[in-house]
Amino acid sequence: MASCAECKSFFSVPENADDFAPGKGDCVREVKDEKGKYWLSKPVMGDMETSKCPFFAEKV
């Protein structure tokens, strides 16, 4: 089963960040609507299962 760390939207939190935790990252996606485009971000753990994530896209 794939994990969040294998997704192109997953970005690890740097070690010098205040909210650093081993394996923690952010799921960052670009969204477009009639007003323009913007970014959505949510904290996730890299080992989370992606079976229920409709936005999972494997890193190239």
N, C-alpha and C. Protein backbone atom coordinates (compact mmCIF):
# COMPACT_ATOMS: atom_id res chain seq x y z
N MET A 1 0.85 -1.18 0.00
CA MET A 1 0.00 0.00 0.00
C MET A 1 0.89 1.25 0.00
N ALA A 2 0.50 2.25 -0.74
CA ALA A 2 1.27 3.48 -0.85
C ALA A 2 1.11 4.34 0.41
N SER A 3 2.10 5.17 0.65
CA SER A 3 2.04 6.07 1.80
C SER A 3 2.17 7.52 1.32
N CYS A 4 1.84 8.45 2.19
CA CYS A 4 1.89 9.87 1.84
C CYS A 4 3.29 10.30 1.38
N ALA A 5 4.32 9.72 1.96
CA ALA A 5 5.69 10.09 1.60
C ALA A 5 6.00 9.77 0.14
N GLU A 6 5.22 8.91 -0.48
CA GLU A 6 5.43 8.54 -1.88
C GLU A 6 4.65 9.43 -2.85
N CYS A 7 3.93 10.41 -2.33
CA CYS A 7 3.09 11.28 -3.15
C CYS A 7 3.85 12.54 -3.56
N LYS A 8 3.55 13.04 -4.76
CA LYS A 8 4.22 14.24 -5.23
C LYS A 8 3.79 15.49 -4.46
N SER A 9 2.71 15.41 -3.72
CA SER A 9 2.23 16.55 -2.93
C SER A 9 2.81 16.59 -1.52
N PHE A 10 3.61 15.58 -1.16
CA PHE A 10 4.18 15.50 0.19
C PHE A 10 5.52 16.22 0.26
N PHE A 11 5.64 17.11 1.23
CA PHE A 11 6.89 17.84 1.47
C PHE A 11 7.24 17.71 2.94
N SER A 12 8.42 17.16 3.21
CA SER A 12 8.86 16.95 4.59
C SER A 12 9.07 18.28 5.31
N VAL A 13 8.78 18.27 6.60
CA VAL A 13 9.04 19.44 7.44
C VAL A 13 10.54 19.46 7.76
N PRO A 14 11.22 20.58 7.54
CA PRO A 14 12.65 20.63 7.83
C PRO A 14 12.94 20.47 9.32
N GLU A 15 14.10 19.93 9.63
CA GLU A 15 14.46 19.67 11.03
C GLU A 15 14.54 20.93 11.87
N ASN A 16 14.82 22.07 11.27
CA ASN A 16 14.93 23.31 12.04
C ASN A 16 13.59 24.03 12.21
N ALA A 17 12.50 23.44 11.74
CA ALA A 17 11.18 24.06 11.87
C ALA A 17 10.61 23.81 13.27
N ASP A 18 9.78 24.73 13.72
CA ASP A 18 9.18 24.61 15.06
C ASP A 18 8.30 23.38 15.21
N ASP A 19 7.63 22.98 14.14
CA ASP A 19 6.71 21.85 14.23
C ASP A 19 7.31 20.55 13.69
N PHE A 20 8.64 20.45 13.69
CA PHE A 20 9.30 19.25 13.19
C PHE A 20 8.98 18.03 14.05
N ALA A 21 8.72 16.94 13.38
CA ALA A 21 8.59 15.62 13.99
C ALA A 21 9.07 14.63 12.95
N PRO A 22 9.76 13.58 13.36
CA PRO A 22 10.24 12.61 12.37
C PRO A 22 9.09 12.04 11.54
N GLY A 23 9.21 12.12 10.23
CA GLY A 23 8.19 11.61 9.33
C GLY A 23 7.06 12.57 9.01
N LYS A 24 7.05 13.72 9.67
CA LYS A 24 5.97 14.68 9.45
C LYS A 24 6.23 15.50 8.19
N GLY A 25 5.16 15.85 7.51
CA GLY A 25 5.27 16.67 6.32
C GLY A 25 3.98 17.41 6.06
N ASP A 26 3.93 18.09 4.94
CA ASP A 26 2.74 18.81 4.53
C ASP A 26 2.28 18.29 3.18
N CYS A 27 0.99 18.13 3.06
CA CYS A 27 0.38 17.77 1.78
C CYS A 27 -0.04 19.10 1.15
N VAL A 28 0.64 19.47 0.07
CA VAL A 28 0.41 20.77 -0.56
C VAL A 28 -0.10 20.55 -1.98
N ARG A 29 -1.28 21.11 -2.25
CA ARG A 29 -1.89 20.95 -3.57
C ARG A 29 -2.27 22.31 -4.14
N GLU A 30 -2.12 22.44 -5.45
CA GLU A 30 -2.55 23.65 -6.15
C GLU A 30 -3.99 23.45 -6.60
N VAL A 31 -4.83 24.43 -6.29
CA VAL A 31 -6.24 24.36 -6.65
C VAL A 31 -6.57 25.57 -7.51
N LYS A 32 -7.36 25.35 -8.55
CA LYS A 32 -7.78 26.45 -9.43
C LYS A 32 -9.30 26.56 -9.39
N ASP A 33 -9.77 27.79 -9.33
CA ASP A 33 -11.20 28.04 -9.43
C ASP A 33 -11.41 29.29 -10.28
N GLU A 34 -12.64 29.81 -10.30
CA GLU A 34 -12.95 30.95 -11.17
C GLU A 34 -12.21 32.23 -10.76
N LYS A 35 -11.76 32.32 -9.52
CA LYS A 35 -11.04 33.51 -9.06
C LYS A 35 -9.54 33.43 -9.31
N GLY A 36 -9.04 32.25 -9.55
CA GLY A 36 -7.61 32.08 -9.77
C GLY A 36 -7.12 30.77 -9.18
N LYS A 37 -5.83 30.74 -8.86
CA LYS A 37 -5.29 29.52 -8.27
C LYS A 37 -4.70 29.84 -6.90
N TYR A 38 -4.70 28.84 -6.05
CA TYR A 38 -4.18 28.98 -4.70
C TYR A 38 -3.70 27.62 -4.22
N TRP A 39 -3.04 27.61 -3.07
CA TRP A 39 -2.46 26.38 -2.52
C TRP A 39 -3.20 25.97 -1.26
N LEU A 40 -3.49 24.69 -1.15
CA LEU A 40 -4.05 24.12 0.07
C LEU A 40 -2.97 23.26 0.72
N SER A 41 -2.86 23.36 2.02
CA SER A 41 -1.85 22.60 2.74
C SER A 41 -2.45 22.02 4.00
N LYS A 42 -2.05 20.78 4.31
CA LYS A 42 -2.47 20.19 5.58
C LYS A 42 -1.34 19.30 6.09
N PRO A 43 -1.14 19.29 7.40
CA PRO A 43 -0.08 18.46 7.96
C PRO A 43 -0.46 16.98 7.89
N VAL A 44 0.51 16.16 7.52
CA VAL A 44 0.31 14.71 7.45
C VAL A 44 1.59 14.01 7.91
N MET A 45 1.45 12.76 8.26
CA MET A 45 2.62 11.94 8.56
C MET A 45 2.95 11.14 7.30
N GLY A 46 4.22 10.99 7.03
CA GLY A 46 4.67 10.33 5.81
C GLY A 46 4.25 8.88 5.70
N ASP A 47 3.96 8.23 6.82
CA ASP A 47 3.59 6.82 6.77
C ASP A 47 2.08 6.59 6.72
N MET A 48 1.31 7.65 6.56
CA MET A 48 -0.15 7.50 6.47
C MET A 48 -0.52 6.77 5.18
N GLU A 49 -1.52 5.93 5.26
CA GLU A 49 -1.99 5.17 4.10
C GLU A 49 -2.78 6.09 3.16
N THR A 50 -2.63 5.89 1.88
CA THR A 50 -3.27 6.78 0.90
C THR A 50 -4.48 6.16 0.20
N SER A 51 -4.95 5.04 0.68
CA SER A 51 -6.04 4.34 -0.02
C SER A 51 -7.32 5.18 -0.12
N LYS A 52 -7.53 6.09 0.81
CA LYS A 52 -8.74 6.91 0.79
C LYS A 52 -8.49 8.34 0.30
N CYS A 53 -7.28 8.60 -0.17
CA CYS A 53 -6.93 9.95 -0.63
C CYS A 53 -7.20 10.07 -2.14
N PRO A 54 -8.13 10.93 -2.52
CA PRO A 54 -8.43 11.08 -3.96
C PRO A 54 -7.37 11.87 -4.71
N PHE A 55 -6.44 12.48 -4.00
CA PHE A 55 -5.44 13.34 -4.63
C PHE A 55 -4.07 12.70 -4.75
N PHE A 56 -3.93 11.45 -4.36
CA PHE A 56 -2.63 10.79 -4.39
C PHE A 56 -2.11 10.69 -5.82
N ALA A 57 -0.87 11.12 -6.00
CA ALA A 57 -0.18 11.00 -7.29
C ALA A 57 1.27 10.62 -6.99
N GLU A 58 1.69 9.50 -7.53
CA GLU A 58 3.03 8.99 -7.24
C GLU A 58 4.11 9.93 -7.75
N LYS A 59 5.18 10.08 -6.96
CA LYS A 59 6.32 10.90 -7.37
C LYS A 59 6.96 10.29 -8.60
N VAL A 60 7.46 11.14 -9.45
CA VAL A 60 8.12 10.67 -10.67
C VAL A 60 9.60 10.54 -10.43
